[in-house]
């Protein structure tokens, strides 16, 4: 059975990249917490008091939607690149192993 060590590492790296981006955005949002939520458009609704968790969750959701709609091709490229590189490295490793007469493990 062929194992895909580098592909799995690439998948974990993609997960780590996504988590680091989320944590960094949450830290930036946490720094700007002032105790109120909403109030982006004053003529629609005024800012109201809210907890820190509500503030971070709602703003993370909003940012994810906006950034996901605006930059989805770049997000896909950044998250797929480690897996593609891992797949290519696994293929090369398998080719070298079969050329040498060994079975890849």
PDB file of N, CA and C in Angstrom:
ATOM      1  N   UNK A   1       0.840  -1.177   0.000  1.00  0.00           N
ATOM      2  CA  UNK A   1       0.000   0.000   0.000  1.00  0.00           C
ATOM      3  C   UNK A   1       0.891   1.249   0.000  1.00  0.00           C
ATOM      4  N   UNK A   2       0.538   2.185  -0.831  1.00  0.00           N
ATOM      5  CA  UNK A   2       1.308   3.418  -0.922  1.00  0.00           C
ATOM      6  C   UNK A   2       0.871   4.385   0.181  1.00  0.00           C
ATOM      7  N   UNK A   3       1.836   4.877   0.902  1.00  0.00           N
ATOM      8  CA  UNK A   3       1.512   5.862   1.923  1.00  0.00           C
ATOM      9  C   UNK A   3       1.839   7.241   1.391  1.00  0.00           C
ATOM     10  N   UNK A   4       1.094   8.200   1.815  1.00  0.00           N
ATOM     11  CA  UNK A   4       1.244   9.578   1.341  1.00  0.00           C
ATOM     12  C   UNK A   4       1.639  10.479   2.510  1.00  0.00           C
ATOM     13  N   UNK A   5       2.862  10.330   2.972  1.00  0.00           N
ATOM     14  CA  UNK A   5       3.308  11.107   4.127  1.00  0.00           C
ATOM     15  C   UNK A   5       3.307  12.604   3.845  1.00  0.00           C
ATOM     16  N   UNK A   6       3.834  12.998   2.711  1.00  0.00           N
ATOM     17  CA  UNK A   6       3.935  14.421   2.420  1.00  0.00           C
ATOM     18  C   UNK A   6       2.571  15.034   2.117  1.00  0.00           C
ATOM     19  N   UNK A   7       1.687  14.277   1.511  1.00  0.00           N
ATOM     20  CA  UNK A   7       0.332  14.781   1.269  1.00  0.00           C
ATOM     21  C   UNK A   7      -0.384  15.033   2.586  1.00  0.00           C
ATOM     22  N   UNK A   8      -0.237  14.125   3.532  1.00  0.00           N
ATOM     23  CA  UNK A   8      -0.867  14.294   4.844  1.00  0.00           C
ATOM     24  C   UNK A   8      -0.251  15.481   5.576  1.00  0.00           C
ATOM     25  N   UNK A   9       1.067  15.629   5.477  1.00  0.00           N
ATOM     26  CA  UNK A   9       1.710  16.791   6.089  1.00  0.00           C
ATOM     27  C   UNK A   9       1.220  18.086   5.446  1.00  0.00           C
ATOM     28  N   UNK A  10       1.026  18.077   4.143  1.00  0.00           N
ATOM     29  CA  UNK A  10       0.502  19.255   3.459  1.00  0.00           C
ATOM     30  C   UNK A  10      -0.905  19.593   3.907  1.00  0.00           C
ATOM     31  N   UNK A  11      -1.728  18.559   4.130  1.00  0.00           N
ATOM     32  CA  UNK A  11      -3.095  18.798   4.606  1.00  0.00           C
ATOM     33  C   UNK A  11      -3.071  19.402   6.009  1.00  0.00           C
ATOM     34  N   UNK A  12      -2.202  18.884   6.879  1.00  0.00           N
ATOM     35  CA  UNK A  12      -2.085  19.442   8.225  1.00  0.00           C
ATOM     36  C   UNK A  12      -1.551  20.863   8.177  1.00  0.00           C
ATOM     37  N   UNK A  13      -0.637  21.126   7.258  1.00  0.00           N
ATOM     38  CA  UNK A  13      -0.113  22.482   7.117  1.00  0.00           C
ATOM     39  C   UNK A  13      -1.207  23.442   6.653  1.00  0.00           C
ATOM     40  N   UNK A  14      -2.072  22.996   5.769  1.00  0.00           N
ATOM     41  CA  UNK A  14      -3.199  23.827   5.328  1.00  0.00           C
ATOM     42  C   UNK A  14      -4.139  24.138   6.488  1.00  0.00           C
ATOM     43  N   UNK A  15      -4.395  23.152   7.320  1.00  0.00           N
ATOM     44  CA  UNK A  15      -5.237  23.373   8.502  1.00  0.00           C
ATOM     45  C   UNK A  15      -4.565  24.367   9.450  1.00  0.00           C
ATOM     46  N   UNK A  16      -3.245  24.223   9.627  1.00  0.00           N
ATOM     47  CA  UNK A  16      -2.516  25.136  10.504  1.00  0.00           C
ATOM     48  C   UNK A  16      -2.536  26.562   9.965  1.00  0.00           C
ATOM     49  N   UNK A  17      -2.407  26.716   8.656  1.00  0.00           N
ATOM     50  CA  UNK A  17      -2.459  28.055   8.049  1.00  0.00           C
ATOM     51  C   UNK A  17      -3.826  28.697   8.305  1.00  0.00           C
ATOM     52  N   UNK A  18      -4.884  27.919   8.102  1.00  0.00           N
ATOM     53  CA  UNK A  18      -6.232  28.452   8.328  1.00  0.00           C
ATOM     54  C   UNK A  18      -6.439  28.829   9.797  1.00  0.00           C
ATOM     55  N   UNK A  19      -5.988  27.977  10.709  1.00  0.00           N
ATOM     56  CA  UNK A  19      -6.144  28.281  12.133  1.00  0.00           C
ATOM     57  C   UNK A  19      -5.326  29.499  12.545  1.00  0.00           C
ATOM     58  N   UNK A  20      -4.116  29.630  12.025  1.00  0.00           N
ATOM     59  CA  UNK A  20      -3.294  30.804  12.351  1.00  0.00           C
ATOM     60  C   UNK A  20      -3.948  32.087  11.851  1.00  0.00           C
ATOM     61  N   UNK A  21      -4.547  32.028  10.661  1.00  0.00           N
ATOM     62  CA  UNK A  21      -5.226  33.208  10.127  1.00  0.00           C
ATOM     63  C   UNK A  21      -6.431  33.570  10.997  1.00  0.00           C
ATOM     64  N   UNK A  22      -7.175  32.579  11.438  1.00  0.00           N
ATOM     65  CA  UNK A  22      -8.343  32.840  12.287  1.00  0.00           C
ATOM     66  C   UNK A  22      -7.917  33.412  13.634  1.00  0.00           C
ATOM     67  N   UNK A  23      -6.885  32.834  14.221  1.00  0.00           N
ATOM     68  CA  UNK A  23      -6.406  33.322  15.525  1.00  0.00           C
ATOM     69  C   UNK A  23      -5.865  34.744  15.400  1.00  0.00           C
ATOM     70  N   UNK A  24      -5.114  35.017  14.328  1.00  0.00           N
ATOM     71  CA  UNK A  24      -4.581  36.371  14.140  1.00  0.00           C
ATOM     72  C   UNK A  24      -5.713  37.382  13.984  1.00  0.00           C
ATOM     73  N   UNK A  25      -6.733  37.030  13.210  1.00  0.00           N
ATOM     74  CA  UNK A  25      -7.868  37.927  13.040  1.00  0.00           C
ATOM     75  C   UNK A  25      -8.623  38.109  14.354  1.00  0.00           C
ATOM     76  N   UNK A  26      -8.751  37.036  15.138  1.00  0.00           N
ATOM     77  CA  UNK A  26      -9.435  37.143  16.431  1.00  0.00           C
ATOM     78  C   UNK A  26      -8.650  38.029  17.395  1.00  0.00           C
ATOM     79  N   UNK A  27      -7.324  37.956  17.351  1.00  0.00           N
ATOM     80  CA  UNK A  27      -6.514  38.810  18.220  1.00  0.00           C
ATOM     81  C   UNK A  27      -6.677  40.277  17.828  1.00  0.00           C
ATOM     82  N   UNK A  28      -6.656  40.552  16.542  1.00  0.00           N
ATOM     83  CA  UNK A  28      -6.840  41.931  16.079  1.00  0.00           C
ATOM     84  C   UNK A  28      -8.220  42.441  16.484  1.00  0.00           C
ATOM     85  N   UNK A  29      -9.235  41.608  16.336  1.00  0.00           N
ATOM     86  CA  UNK A  29     -10.575  42.018  16.747  1.00  0.00           C
ATOM     87  C   UNK A  29     -10.664  42.182  18.256  1.00  0.00           C
ATOM     88  N   UNK A  30     -10.002  41.309  19.000  1.00  0.00           N
ATOM     89  CA  UNK A  30     -10.021  41.399  20.456  1.00  0.00           C
ATOM     90  C   UNK A  30      -9.378  42.669  20.969  1.00  0.00           C
ATOM     91  N   UNK A  31      -8.354  43.124  20.293  1.00  0.00           N
ATOM     92  CA  UNK A  31      -7.694  44.361  20.707  1.00  0.00           C
ATOM     93  C   UNK A  31      -8.632  45.560  20.541  1.00  0.00           C
ATOM     94  N   UNK A  32      -9.492  45.515  19.529  1.00  0.00           N
ATOM     95  CA  UNK A  32     -10.373  46.652  19.272  1.00  0.00           C
ATOM     96  C   UNK A  32     -11.722  46.550  20.002  1.00  0.00           C
ATOM     97  N   UNK A  33     -11.861  45.588  20.911  1.00  0.00           N
ATOM     98  CA  UNK A  33     -13.120  45.418  21.653  1.00  0.00           C
ATOM     99  C   UNK A  33     -13.358  46.611  22.579  1.00  0.00           C
ATOM    100  N   UNK A  34     -14.556  47.181  22.470  1.00  0.00           N
ATOM    101  CA  UNK A  34     -14.890  48.328  23.311  1.00  0.00           C
ATOM    102  C   UNK A  34     -16.179  48.122  24.110  1.00  0.00           C
ATOM    103  N   UNK A  35     -16.710  46.895  24.108  1.00  0.00           N
ATOM    104  CA  UNK A  35     -17.900  46.607  24.900  1.00  0.00           C
ATOM    105  C   UNK A  35     -19.205  46.751  24.153  1.00  0.00           C
ATOM    106  N   UNK A  36     -19.157  47.165  22.888  1.00  0.00           N
ATOM    107  CA  UNK A  36     -20.389  47.323  22.112  1.00  0.00           C
ATOM    108  C   UNK A  36     -20.301  46.531  20.815  1.00  0.00           C
ATOM    109  N   UNK A  37     -21.468  46.081  20.355  1.00  0.00           N
ATOM    110  CA  UNK A  37     -21.580  45.379  19.075  1.00  0.00           C
ATOM    111  C   UNK A  37     -22.478  46.177  18.146  1.00  0.00           C
ATOM    112  N   UNK A  38     -22.247  46.010  16.859  1.00  0.00           N
ATOM    113  CA  UNK A  38     -23.094  46.678  15.877  1.00  0.00           C
ATOM    114  C   UNK A  38     -22.733  48.137  15.738  1.00  0.00           C
ATOM    115  N   UNK A  39     -23.648  48.861  15.145  1.00  0.00           N
ATOM    116  CA  UNK A  39     -23.436  50.287  14.968  1.00  0.00           C
ATOM    117  C   UNK A  39     -22.570  50.627  13.774  1.00  0.00           C
ATOM    118  N   UNK A  40     -22.457  49.688  12.821  1.00  0.00           N
ATOM    119  CA  UNK A  40     -21.662  49.975  11.628  1.00  0.00           C
ATOM    120  C   UNK A  40     -22.305  51.090  10.802  1.00  0.00           C
ATOM    121  N   UNK A  41     -23.637  51.032  10.710  1.00  0.00           N
ATOM    122  CA  UNK A  41     -24.374  52.078  10.008  1.00  0.00           C
ATOM    123  C   UNK A  41     -25.308  52.735  11.029  1.00  0.00           C
ATOM    124  N   UNK A  42     -24.969  53.910  11.446  1.00  0.00           N
ATOM    125  CA  UNK A  42     -25.678  54.566  12.539  1.00  0.00           C
ATOM    126  C   UNK A  42     -27.149  54.813  12.240  1.00  0.00           C
ATOM    127  N   UNK A  43     -27.500  55.005  10.976  1.00  0.00           N
ATOM    128  CA  UNK A  43     -28.894  55.281  10.643  1.00  0.00           C
ATOM    129  C   UNK A  43     -29.771  54.029  10.723  1.00  0.00           C
ATOM    130  N   UNK A  44     -29.162  52.830  10.727  1.00  0.00           N
ATOM    131  CA  UNK A  44     -29.946  51.595  10.852  1.00  0.00           C
ATOM    132  C   UNK A  44     -30.112  51.162  12.307  1.00  0.00           C
ATOM    133  N   UNK A  45     -29.009  51.119  13.011  1.00  0.00           N
ATOM    134  CA  UNK A  45     -29.075  50.698  14.409  1.00  0.00           C
ATOM    135  C   UNK A  45     -27.869  51.249  15.150  1.00  0.00           C
ATOM    136  N   UNK A  46     -28.085  51.587  16.381  1.00  0.00           N
ATOM    137  CA  UNK A  46     -26.993  52.089  17.209  1.00  0.00           C
ATOM    138  C   UNK A  46     -26.235  50.915  17.822  1.00  0.00           C
ATOM    139  N   UNK A  47     -25.037  51.190  18.267  1.00  0.00           N
ATOM    140  CA  UNK A  47     -24.244  50.155  18.914  1.00  0.00           C
ATOM    141  C   UNK A  47     -24.889  49.776  20.244  1.00  0.00           C
ATOM    142  N   UNK A  48     -24.884  48.486  20.557  1.00  0.00           N
ATOM    143  CA  UNK A  48     -25.482  48.020  21.813  1.00  0.00           C
ATOM    144  C   UNK A  48     -24.438  47.246  22.608  1.00  0.00           C
ATOM    145  N   UNK A  49     -24.572  47.188  23.904  1.00  0.00           N
ATOM    146  CA  UNK A  49     -23.608  46.451  24.728  1.00  0.00           C
ATOM    147  C   UNK A  49     -23.647  44.953  24.422  1.00  0.00           C
ATOM    148  N   UNK A  50     -22.472  44.318  24.443  1.00  0.00           N
ATOM    149  CA  UNK A  50     -22.400  42.878  24.213  1.00  0.00           C
ATOM    150  C   UNK A  50     -21.156  42.317  24.888  1.00  0.00           C
ATOM    151  N   UNK A  51     -21.126  40.987  24.995  1.00  0.00           N
ATOM    152  CA  UNK A  51     -19.983  40.331  25.629  1.00  0.00           C
ATOM    153  C   UNK A  51     -18.826  40.218  24.624  1.00  0.00           C
ATOM    154  N   UNK A  52     -17.650  39.903  25.145  1.00  0.00           N
ATOM    155  CA  UNK A  52     -16.456  39.758  24.313  1.00  0.00           C
ATOM    156  C   UNK A  52     -16.624  38.619  23.309  1.00  0.00           C
ATOM    157  N   UNK A  53     -17.186  37.494  23.749  1.00  0.00           N
ATOM    158  CA  UNK A  53     -17.375  36.338  22.867  1.00  0.00           C
ATOM    159  C   UNK A  53     -18.322  36.693  21.724  1.00  0.00           C
ATOM    160  N   UNK A  54     -19.417  37.372  22.039  1.00  0.00           N
ATOM    161  CA  UNK A  54     -20.357  37.789  20.996  1.00  0.00           C
ATOM    162  C   UNK A  54     -19.683  38.722  19.999  1.00  0.00           C
ATOM    163  N   UNK A  55     -18.901  39.649  20.511  1.00  0.00           N
ATOM    164  CA  UNK A  55     -18.212  40.611  19.657  1.00  0.00           C
ATOM    165  C   UNK A  55     -17.254  39.910  18.693  1.00  0.00           C
ATOM    166  N   UNK A  56     -16.414  39.033  19.229  1.00  0.00           N
ATOM    167  CA  UNK A  56     -15.427  38.350  18.393  1.00  0.00           C
ATOM    168  C   UNK A  56     -16.121  37.419  17.411  1.00  0.00           C
ATOM    169  N   UNK A  57     -17.112  36.645  17.868  1.00  0.00           N
ATOM    170  CA  UNK A  57     -17.782  35.699  16.977  1.00  0.00           C
ATOM    171  C   UNK A  57     -18.509  36.395  15.832  1.00  0.00           C
ATOM    172  N   UNK A  58     -19.253  37.450  16.131  1.00  0.00           N
ATOM    173  CA  UNK A  58     -19.987  38.130  15.067  1.00  0.00           C
ATOM    174  C   UNK A  58     -19.039  38.814  14.084  1.00  0.00           C
ATOM    175  N   UNK A  59     -17.978  39.430  14.589  1.00  0.00           N
ATOM    176  CA  UNK A  59     -17.040  40.083  13.679  1.00  0.00           C
ATOM    177  C   UNK A  59     -16.208  39.076  12.888  1.00  0.00           C
ATOM    178  N   UNK A  60     -15.851  37.935  13.492  1.00  0.00           N
ATOM    179  CA  UNK A  60     -15.157  36.890  12.734  1.00  0.00           C
ATOM    180  C   UNK A  60     -16.044  36.351  11.620  1.00  0.00           C
ATOM    181  N   UNK A  61     -17.315  36.145  11.928  1.00  0.00           N
ATOM    182  CA  UNK A  61     -18.246  35.667  10.908  1.00  0.00           C
ATOM    183  C   UNK A  61     -18.372  36.677   9.773  1.00  0.00           C
ATOM    184  N   UNK A  62     -18.501  37.941  10.124  1.00  0.00           N
ATOM    185  CA  UNK A  62     -18.606  38.986   9.113  1.00  0.00           C
ATOM    186  C   UNK A  62     -17.348  39.064   8.259  1.00  0.00           C
ATOM    187  N   UNK A  63     -16.187  39.030   8.898  1.00  0.00           N
ATOM    188  CA  UNK A  63     -14.923  39.089   8.153  1.00  0.00           C
ATOM    189  C   UNK A  63     -14.730  37.863   7.267  1.00  0.00           C
ATOM    190  N   UNK A  64     -15.111  36.687   7.774  1.00  0.00           N
ATOM    191  CA  UNK A  64     -14.986  35.468   6.972  1.00  0.00           C
ATOM    192  C   UNK A  64     -15.866  35.543   5.728  1.00  0.00           C
ATOM    193  N   UNK A  65     -17.067  36.059   5.883  1.00  0.00           N
ATOM    194  CA  UNK A  65     -17.953  36.198   4.724  1.00  0.00           C
ATOM    195  C   UNK A  65     -17.400  37.206   3.712  1.00  0.00           C
ATOM    196  N   UNK A  66     -16.988  38.345   4.201  1.00  0.00           N
ATOM    197  CA  UNK A  66     -16.479  39.384   3.296  1.00  0.00           C
ATOM    198  C   UNK A  66     -15.199  38.931   2.603  1.00  0.00           C
ATOM    199  N   UNK A  67     -14.239  38.417   3.385  1.00  0.00           N
ATOM    200  CA  UNK A  67     -12.974  37.982   2.791  1.00  0.00           C
ATOM    201  C   UNK A  67     -13.159  36.746   1.914  1.00  0.00           C
ATOM    202  N   UNK A  68     -14.053  35.850   2.316  1.00  0.00           N
ATOM    203  CA  UNK A  68     -14.316  34.656   1.513  1.00  0.00           C
ATOM    204  C   UNK A  68     -14.933  34.980   0.164  1.00  0.00           C
ATOM    205  N   UNK A  69     -15.824  35.938   0.132  1.00  0.00           N
ATOM    206  CA  UNK A  69     -16.450  36.333  -1.134  1.00  0.00           C
ATOM    207  C   UNK A  69     -15.469  37.111  -2.006  1.00  0.00           C
ATOM    208  N   UNK A  70     -14.675  37.967  -1.390  1.00  0.00           N
ATOM    209  CA  UNK A  70     -13.774  38.838  -2.146  1.00  0.00           C
ATOM    210  C   UNK A  70     -12.511  38.109  -2.618  1.00  0.00           C
ATOM    211  N   UNK A  71     -11.926  37.285  -1.761  1.00  0.00           N
ATOM    212  CA  UNK A  71     -10.621  36.697  -2.052  1.00  0.00           C
ATOM    213  C   UNK A  71     -10.637  35.172  -2.135  1.00  0.00           C
ATOM    214  N   UNK A  72     -11.752  34.556  -2.522  1.00  0.00           N
ATOM    215  CA  UNK A  72     -11.824  33.102  -2.522  1.00  0.00           C
ATOM    216  C   UNK A  72     -10.784  32.438  -3.426  1.00  0.00           C
ATOM    217  N   UNK A  73     -10.413  32.977  -4.591  1.00  0.00           N
ATOM    218  CA  UNK A  73      -9.375  32.270  -5.375  1.00  0.00           C
ATOM    219  C   UNK A  73      -8.028  32.239  -4.648  1.00  0.00           C
ATOM    220  N   UNK A  74      -7.658  33.337  -4.017  1.00  0.00           N
ATOM    221  CA  UNK A  74      -6.388  33.380  -3.290  1.00  0.00           C
ATOM    222  C   UNK A  74      -6.421  32.440  -2.089  1.00  0.00           C
ATOM    223  N   UNK A  75      -7.550  32.351  -1.422  1.00  0.00           N
ATOM    224  CA  UNK A  75      -7.677  31.455  -0.269  1.00  0.00           C
ATOM    225  C   UNK A  75      -7.508  30.006  -0.710  1.00  0.00           C
ATOM    226  N   UNK A  76      -8.128  29.650  -1.825  1.00  0.00           N
ATOM    227  CA  UNK A  76      -8.002  28.279  -2.329  1.00  0.00           C
ATOM    228  C   UNK A  76      -6.564  27.971  -2.706  1.00  0.00           C
ATOM    229  N   UNK A  77      -5.884  28.907  -3.361  1.00  0.00           N
ATOM    230  CA  UNK A  77      -4.491  28.690  -3.752  1.00  0.00           C
ATOM    231  C   UNK A  77      -3.601  28.510  -2.527  1.00  0.00           C
ATOM    232  N   UNK A  78      -3.775  29.365  -1.535  1.00  0.00           N
ATOM    233  CA  UNK A  78      -2.937  29.291  -0.330  1.00  0.00           C
ATOM    234  C   UNK A  78      -3.179  27.984   0.430  1.00  0.00           C
ATOM    235  N   UNK A  79      -4.416  27.540   0.529  1.00  0.00           N
ATOM    236  CA  UNK A  79      -4.709  26.324   1.273  1.00  0.00           C
ATOM    237  C   UNK A  79      -4.436  25.051   0.478  1.00  0.00           C
ATOM    238  N   UNK A  80      -4.475  25.110  -0.850  1.00  0.00           N
ATOM    239  CA  UNK A  80      -4.233  23.922  -1.663  1.00  0.00           C
ATOM    240  C   UNK A  80      -2.757  23.720  -1.981  1.00  0.00           C
ATOM    241  N   UNK A  81      -1.963  24.768  -1.950  1.00  0.00           N
ATOM    242  CA  UNK A  81      -0.546  24.665  -2.319  1.00  0.00           C
ATOM    243  C   UNK A  81       0.236  23.638  -1.502  1.00  0.00           C
ATOM    244  N   UNK A  82       0.136  23.623  -0.170  1.00  0.00           N
ATOM    245  CA  UNK A  82       0.890  22.605   0.571  1.00  0.00           C
ATOM    246  C   UNK A  82       0.502  21.174   0.211  1.00  0.00           C
ATOM    247  N   UNK A  83      -0.775  20.946  -0.073  1.00  0.00           N
ATOM    248  CA  UNK A  83      -1.203  19.599  -0.438  1.00  0.00           C
ATOM    249  C   UNK A  83      -0.704  19.208  -1.822  1.00  0.00           C
ATOM    250  N   UNK A  84      -0.703  20.154  -2.747  1.00  0.00           N
ATOM    251  CA  UNK A  84      -0.190  19.871  -4.094  1.00  0.00           C
ATOM    252  C   UNK A  84       1.306  19.573  -4.044  1.00  0.00           C
ATOM    253  N   UNK A  85       2.042  20.363  -3.293  1.00  0.00           N
ATOM    254  CA  UNK A  85       3.483  20.131  -3.146  1.00  0.00           C
ATOM    255  C   UNK A  85       3.732  18.780  -2.477  1.00  0.00           C
ATOM    256  N   UNK A  86       2.950  18.435  -1.468  1.00  0.00           N
ATOM    257  CA  UNK A  86       3.080  17.134  -0.814  1.00  0.00           C
ATOM    258  C   UNK A  86       2.780  15.990  -1.756  1.00  0.00           C
ATOM    259  N   UNK A  87       1.775  16.146  -2.580  1.00  0.00           N
ATOM    260  CA  UNK A  87       1.442  15.106  -3.560  1.00  0.00           C
ATOM    261  C   UNK A  87       2.581  14.910  -4.550  1.00  0.00           C
ATOM    262  N   UNK A  88       3.153  16.021  -5.029  1.00  0.00           N
ATOM    263  CA  UNK A  88       4.267  15.926  -5.979  1.00  0.00           C
ATOM    264  C   UNK A  88       5.470  15.262  -5.327  1.00  0.00           C
ATOM    265  N   UNK A  89       5.759  15.617  -4.076  1.00  0.00           N
ATOM    266  CA  UNK A  89       6.898  14.988  -3.379  1.00  0.00           C
ATOM    267  C   UNK A  89       6.659  13.505  -3.151  1.00  0.00           C
ATOM    268  N   UNK A  90       5.428  13.107  -2.860  1.00  0.00           N
ATOM    269  CA  UNK A  90       5.118  11.684  -2.709  1.00  0.00           C
ATOM    270  C   UNK A  90       5.289  10.934  -4.027  1.00  0.00           C
ATOM    271  N   UNK A  91       4.861  11.549  -5.113  1.00  0.00           N
ATOM    272  CA  UNK A  91       5.026  10.906  -6.425  1.00  0.00           C
ATOM    273  C   UNK A  91       6.492  10.704  -6.762  1.00  0.00           C
ATOM    274  N   UNK A  92       7.314  11.723  -6.514  1.00  0.00           N
ATOM    275  CA  UNK A  92       8.748  11.601  -6.783  1.00  0.00           C
ATOM    276  C   UNK A  92       9.388  10.541  -5.902  1.00  0.00           C
ATOM    277  N   UNK A  93       8.990  10.507  -4.648  1.00  0.00           N
ATOM    278  CA  UNK A  93       9.540   9.506  -3.729  1.00  0.00           C
ATOM    279  C   UNK A  93       9.175   8.103  -4.190  1.00  0.00           C
ATOM    280  N   UNK A  94       7.959   7.918  -4.662  1.00  0.00           N
ATOM    281  CA  UNK A  94       7.523   6.615  -5.152  1.00  0.00           C
ATOM    282  C   UNK A  94       8.276   6.233  -6.423  1.00  0.00           C
ATOM    283  N   UNK A  95       8.491   7.192  -7.319  1.00  0.00           N
ATOM    284  CA  UNK A  95       9.230   6.904  -8.550  1.00  0.00           C
ATOM    285  C   UNK A  95      10.667   6.520  -8.259  1.00  0.00           C
ATOM    286  N   UNK A  96      11.308   7.210  -7.336  1.00  0.00           N
ATOM    287  CA  UNK A  96      12.688   6.886  -6.976  1.00  0.00           C
ATOM    288  C   UNK A  96      12.757   5.509  -6.328  1.00  0.00           C
ATOM    289  N   UNK A  97      11.800   5.195  -5.483  1.00  0.00           N
ATOM    290  CA  UNK A  97      11.792   3.907  -4.803  1.00  0.00           C
ATOM    291  C   UNK A  97      11.571   2.758  -5.784  1.00  0.00           C
ATOM    292  N   UNK A  98      10.680   2.930  -6.736  1.00  0.00           N
ATOM    293  CA  UNK A  98      10.420   1.856  -7.712  1.00  0.00           C
ATOM    294  C   UNK A  98      11.582   1.733  -8.699  1.00  0.00           C
ATOM    295  N   UNK A  99      12.242   2.843  -9.023  1.00  0.00           N
ATOM    296  CA  UNK A  99      13.397   2.779  -9.921  1.00  0.00           C
ATOM    297  C   UNK A  99      14.562   2.060  -9.251  1.00  0.00           C
ATOM    298  N   UNK A 100      14.672   2.185  -7.955  1.00  0.00           N
ATOM    299  CA  UNK A 100      15.750   1.536  -7.211  1.00  0.00           C
ATOM    300  C   UNK A 100      15.390   0.088  -6.864  1.00  0.00           C
ATOM    301  N   UNK A 101      14.156  -0.300  -7.121  1.00  0.00           N
ATOM    302  CA  UNK A 101      13.726  -1.655  -6.818  1.00  0.00           C
ATOM    303  C   UNK A 101      13.153  -1.817  -5.442  1.00  0.00           C
ATOM    304  N   UNK A 102      12.991  -0.749  -4.707  1.00  0.00           N
ATOM    305  CA  UNK A 102      12.430  -0.787  -3.372  1.00  0.00           C
ATOM    306  C   UNK A 102      10.953  -0.474  -3.423  1.00  0.00           C
ATOM    307  N   UNK A 103      10.242  -0.873  -2.397  1.00  0.00           N
ATOM    308  CA  UNK A 103       8.824  -0.536  -2.296  1.00  0.00           C
ATOM    309  C   UNK A 103       8.708   0.619  -1.318  1.00  0.00           C
ATOM    310  N   UNK A 104       7.979   1.662  -1.716  1.00  0.00           N
ATOM    311  CA  UNK A 104       7.825   2.842  -0.853  1.00  0.00           C
ATOM    312  C   UNK A 104       6.997   2.484   0.360  1.00  0.00           C
ATOM    313  N   UNK A 105       7.457   2.954   1.516  1.00  0.00           N
ATOM    314  CA  UNK A 105       6.727   2.693   2.754  1.00  0.00           C
ATOM    315  C   UNK A 105       6.371   3.967   3.428  1.00  0.00           C
TER     316      UNK A 105
END
